[in-house]
Each structure stands twice: as C-alpha cells, then as structure tokens.
C-alpha cells in the first residue's frame, strides 16, 4: 500500500496516464478521500469512450469511497449511472440514483438525481414514469426557472410519446 501511495503522490512527476494512476489509487485510497475520488472520475472519463467496462470499474471504486456525507457523492452517482446506461444496465443505474437520493440534502443535488432518474426511466421505455418524475420535479419548486421550463418541456415530450395528444404541449407553454 505504501508503494501505491508514493506513486499517487508523485504521479505528476511520473507522468502517469489517468488510467494507470487510477489503478494505484484503487489500491491505496481511503474512504472520503476527495483527491482519490476525483482521480478515479478523471480516469473513467478518459477511458469511457473506448472501454466503458473499465470506466465503470473506476466509478464503482469511487462510489465505494464515497460516504453519505462525501461532497462528491452526487457527482459520482450521476457519472456511475451514465456508465451503467451505456452498458445497458439501466435498472442498476436507477438503483444507484435511488441510494444517492436517500442521502442527498441540497435541492440542486435532488434535482440532478431526480432528472437523471427520469431519463433512466425513459430509457427503460417507462414514458409514463419518466413523465411523472419530471412533473413532480418541475412542480416541486426546487429547480431554477430555466431547469423548471426544461422539465415541463420533457413532460410534454414524454406525454406526446405516450400518445396523449397536443394538450401536454399547451400545458408546457
């Protein structure tokens, strides 16, 4: 473990790629270590386009490092959900978002997590569930005006997909 920590401390001088650094971080990181969590997230972003399974591995480790009060918990949950959706594991993404929602305290975090959850429901083909999620989010008052307008537009779009006619567009306007 000491060797891995030394490598992590000297990563810049060693010119390690984010993925190589992440392997050392996974071996040496401690819970709620924000720098390690950030390094894992950078590595996941770096490899995500060509190796989504490895990106998910990095994000799983980042998620395991996040305690319920960790400042990066929401960011990691959102990134992890995105990686899971790329791998067609949408129900796992929803479960992770639900776990993050249980401990989220800021309105911004709740808004981001609920919005991601609604998009996951849409990926599952649950247009009604996605529409309901966005409608609750838009009516909650926790969103900024532009985000609220976007949520209502999503509600209208999803209702149109559910073949509910033009009325939802009129409501959204």
Protein backbone atom coordinates (compact mmCIF):
# COMPACT_ATOMS: atom_id res chain seq x y z
CA UNK A 1 0.00 0.00 0.00
CA UNK A 2 2.87 2.39 0.80
CA UNK A 3 4.31 1.93 -2.69
CA UNK A 4 0.94 2.76 -4.27
CA UNK A 5 0.59 5.87 -2.10
CA UNK A 6 4.05 7.02 -3.08
CA UNK A 7 3.24 6.54 -6.76
CA UNK A 8 -0.01 8.50 -6.33
CA UNK A 9 1.86 11.36 -4.59
CA UNK A 10 4.42 11.53 -7.41
CA UNK A 11 2.01 10.90 -10.30
CA UNK A 12 2.65 14.26 -11.95
CA UNK A 13 6.42 13.79 -11.95
CA UNK A 14 5.99 10.23 -13.23
CA UNK A 15 3.62 11.47 -15.99
CA UNK A 16 1.14 8.68 -15.41
CA UNK A 17 -1.97 8.45 -17.52
CA UNK A 18 -5.24 8.81 -15.61
CA UNK A 19 -5.98 5.10 -16.06
CA UNK A 20 -2.60 3.97 -14.69
CA UNK A 21 -2.92 6.40 -11.80
CA UNK A 22 -6.42 5.07 -11.08
CA UNK A 23 -5.10 1.54 -10.59
CA UNK A 24 -2.71 2.82 -7.92
CA UNK A 25 -5.42 4.98 -6.36
CA UNK A 26 -7.73 1.96 -6.07
CA UNK A 27 -5.04 0.12 -4.13
CA UNK A 28 -4.24 2.97 -1.74
CA UNK A 29 -7.33 5.18 -1.34
CA UNK A 30 -9.08 5.77 1.94
CA UNK A 31 -12.84 6.45 2.37
CA UNK A 32 -13.97 10.01 1.60
CA UNK A 33 -10.59 10.88 0.01
CA UNK A 34 -11.75 13.56 -2.42
CA UNK A 35 -8.50 13.59 -4.40
CA UNK A 36 -8.70 9.85 -4.97
CA UNK A 37 -12.35 10.08 -5.96
CA UNK A 38 -11.54 12.87 -8.42
CA UNK A 39 -8.66 10.84 -9.88
CA UNK A 40 -10.98 7.86 -10.41
CA UNK A 41 -13.60 10.07 -12.07
CA UNK A 42 -10.96 11.59 -14.39
CA UNK A 43 -9.74 8.12 -15.30
CA UNK A 44 -13.32 6.97 -16.01
CA UNK A 45 -13.86 9.96 -18.30
CA UNK A 46 -10.53 9.27 -20.01
CA UNK A 47 -11.30 5.62 -20.84
CA UNK A 48 -15.10 5.83 -21.09
CA UNK A 49 -15.29 6.13 -24.88
CA UNK A 50 -13.17 3.08 -25.65
CA UNK A 51 -13.59 0.91 -22.54
CA UNK A 52 -16.90 1.54 -20.73
CA UNK A 53 -16.39 -1.54 -18.52
CA UNK A 54 -13.11 -0.17 -17.17
CA UNK A 55 -14.74 3.25 -16.70
CA UNK A 56 -17.48 1.58 -14.66
CA UNK A 57 -14.85 -0.22 -12.57
CA UNK A 58 -13.22 3.11 -11.72
CA UNK A 59 -16.60 4.66 -10.88
CA UNK A 60 -17.59 1.66 -8.74
CA UNK A 61 -14.43 2.20 -6.69
CA UNK A 62 -15.12 5.92 -6.47
CA UNK A 63 -18.65 5.14 -5.30
CA UNK A 64 -17.30 2.76 -2.66
CA UNK A 65 -15.02 5.53 -1.36
CA UNK A 66 -17.91 7.99 -1.01
CA UNK A 67 -19.53 8.06 2.38
CA UNK A 68 -23.03 9.53 2.80
CA UNK A 69 -21.57 12.96 3.60
CA UNK A 70 -18.91 13.00 0.87
CA UNK A 71 -19.01 16.16 -1.24
CA UNK A 72 -18.52 14.14 -4.46
CA UNK A 73 -21.25 11.59 -3.76
CA UNK A 74 -23.82 13.09 -6.15
CA UNK A 75 -21.30 13.62 -8.95
CA UNK A 76 -20.08 10.03 -8.67
CA UNK A 77 -23.66 8.69 -8.60
CA UNK A 78 -24.52 10.63 -11.77
CA UNK A 79 -21.36 9.52 -13.60
CA UNK A 80 -21.87 5.92 -12.48
CA UNK A 81 -25.48 5.98 -13.68
CA UNK A 82 -24.32 7.28 -17.05
CA UNK A 83 -21.76 4.49 -17.38
CA UNK A 84 -24.33 1.88 -16.39
CA UNK A 85 -26.76 3.22 -19.02
CA UNK A 86 -24.06 2.98 -21.70
CA UNK A 87 -23.68 -0.68 -20.72
CA UNK A 88 -27.48 -1.16 -20.89
CA UNK A 89 -27.75 -1.70 -17.12
CA UNK A 90 -30.41 0.94 -16.61
CA UNK A 91 -32.14 -0.72 -13.65
CA UNK A 92 -28.79 -0.77 -11.82
CA UNK A 93 -28.39 2.93 -12.65
CA UNK A 94 -31.81 3.69 -11.15
CA UNK A 95 -30.96 1.73 -8.01
CA UNK A 96 -27.75 3.73 -7.58
CA UNK A 97 -29.57 7.01 -8.11
CA UNK A 98 -32.17 5.97 -5.53
CA UNK A 99 -29.40 5.25 -3.00
CA UNK A 100 -27.91 8.68 -3.65
CA UNK A 101 -31.34 10.30 -3.28
CA UNK A 102 -31.69 8.80 0.20
CA UNK A 103 -28.75 10.89 1.46
CA UNK A 104 -28.93 13.95 -0.83
CA UNK A 105 -29.58 17.13 1.13
CA UNK A 106 -29.26 20.05 -1.27
CA UNK A 107 -32.06 20.94 -3.65
CA UNK A 108 -29.58 21.08 -6.52
CA UNK A 109 -28.43 17.52 -5.82
CA UNK A 110 -32.00 16.26 -5.53
CA UNK A 111 -32.90 17.96 -8.81
CA UNK A 112 -29.94 16.45 -10.65
CA UNK A 113 -30.57 12.96 -9.29
CA UNK A 114 -34.31 13.02 -9.99
CA UNK A 115 -33.71 14.32 -13.51
CA UNK A 116 -31.22 11.52 -14.18
CA UNK A 117 -33.68 9.02 -12.74
CA UNK A 118 -36.41 10.26 -15.08
CA UNK A 119 -34.11 9.89 -18.08
CA UNK A 120 -33.28 6.34 -16.98
CA UNK A 121 -36.99 5.53 -16.78
CA UNK A 122 -37.35 6.83 -20.33
CA UNK A 123 -34.52 4.54 -21.46
CA UNK A 124 -36.44 1.63 -19.96
CA UNK A 125 -39.45 2.64 -22.03
CA UNK A 126 -41.41 3.81 -19.00
CA UNK A 127 -42.59 7.06 -20.57
CA UNK A 128 -45.36 7.49 -18.00
CA UNK A 129 -42.95 7.03 -15.09
CA UNK A 130 -40.46 9.45 -16.65
CA UNK A 131 -43.19 12.00 -17.26
CA UNK A 132 -44.45 11.67 -13.68
CA UNK A 133 -40.92 12.06 -12.32
CA UNK A 134 -40.32 15.22 -14.34
CA UNK A 135 -43.75 16.60 -13.43
CA UNK A 136 -43.06 16.13 -9.71
CA UNK A 137 -39.66 17.69 -10.14
CA UNK A 138 -40.99 20.68 -12.08
CA UNK A 139 -43.81 21.27 -9.58
CA UNK A 140 -41.52 20.90 -6.56
CA UNK A 141 -40.12 24.42 -6.74
CA UNK A 142 -36.55 23.21 -6.24
CA UNK A 143 -35.44 23.92 -9.79
CA UNK A 144 -34.14 27.14 -11.28
CA UNK A 145 -36.66 28.70 -13.71
CA UNK A 146 -34.82 27.51 -16.84
CA UNK A 147 -34.48 23.97 -15.44
CA UNK A 148 -38.16 24.02 -14.48
CA UNK A 149 -39.10 25.04 -18.01
CA UNK A 150 -36.93 22.25 -19.41
CA UNK A 151 -38.60 19.74 -17.07
CA UNK A 152 -42.06 20.83 -18.21
CA UNK A 153 -40.90 20.51 -21.82
CA UNK A 154 -39.74 16.96 -21.06
CA UNK A 155 -43.12 16.20 -19.51
CA UNK A 156 -44.82 17.45 -22.68
CA UNK A 157 -42.47 15.48 -24.91
CA UNK A 158 -42.94 12.27 -22.96
CA UNK A 159 -46.71 12.69 -22.92
CA UNK A 160 -46.64 13.18 -26.68
CA UNK A 161 -44.68 9.93 -26.98
CA UNK A 162 -47.32 8.29 -24.83
CA UNK A 163 -49.87 9.39 -27.46
CA UNK A 164 -51.69 11.80 -25.23
CA UNK A 165 -52.26 14.39 -27.95
CA UNK A 166 -51.37 18.08 -28.18
CA UNK A 167 -52.73 19.07 -24.78
CA UNK A 168 -49.39 18.49 -22.96
CA UNK A 169 -47.64 20.94 -25.31
CA UNK A 170 -50.23 23.58 -24.47
CA UNK A 171 -49.76 22.89 -20.73
CA UNK A 172 -45.98 23.17 -21.05
CA UNK A 173 -46.22 26.50 -22.83
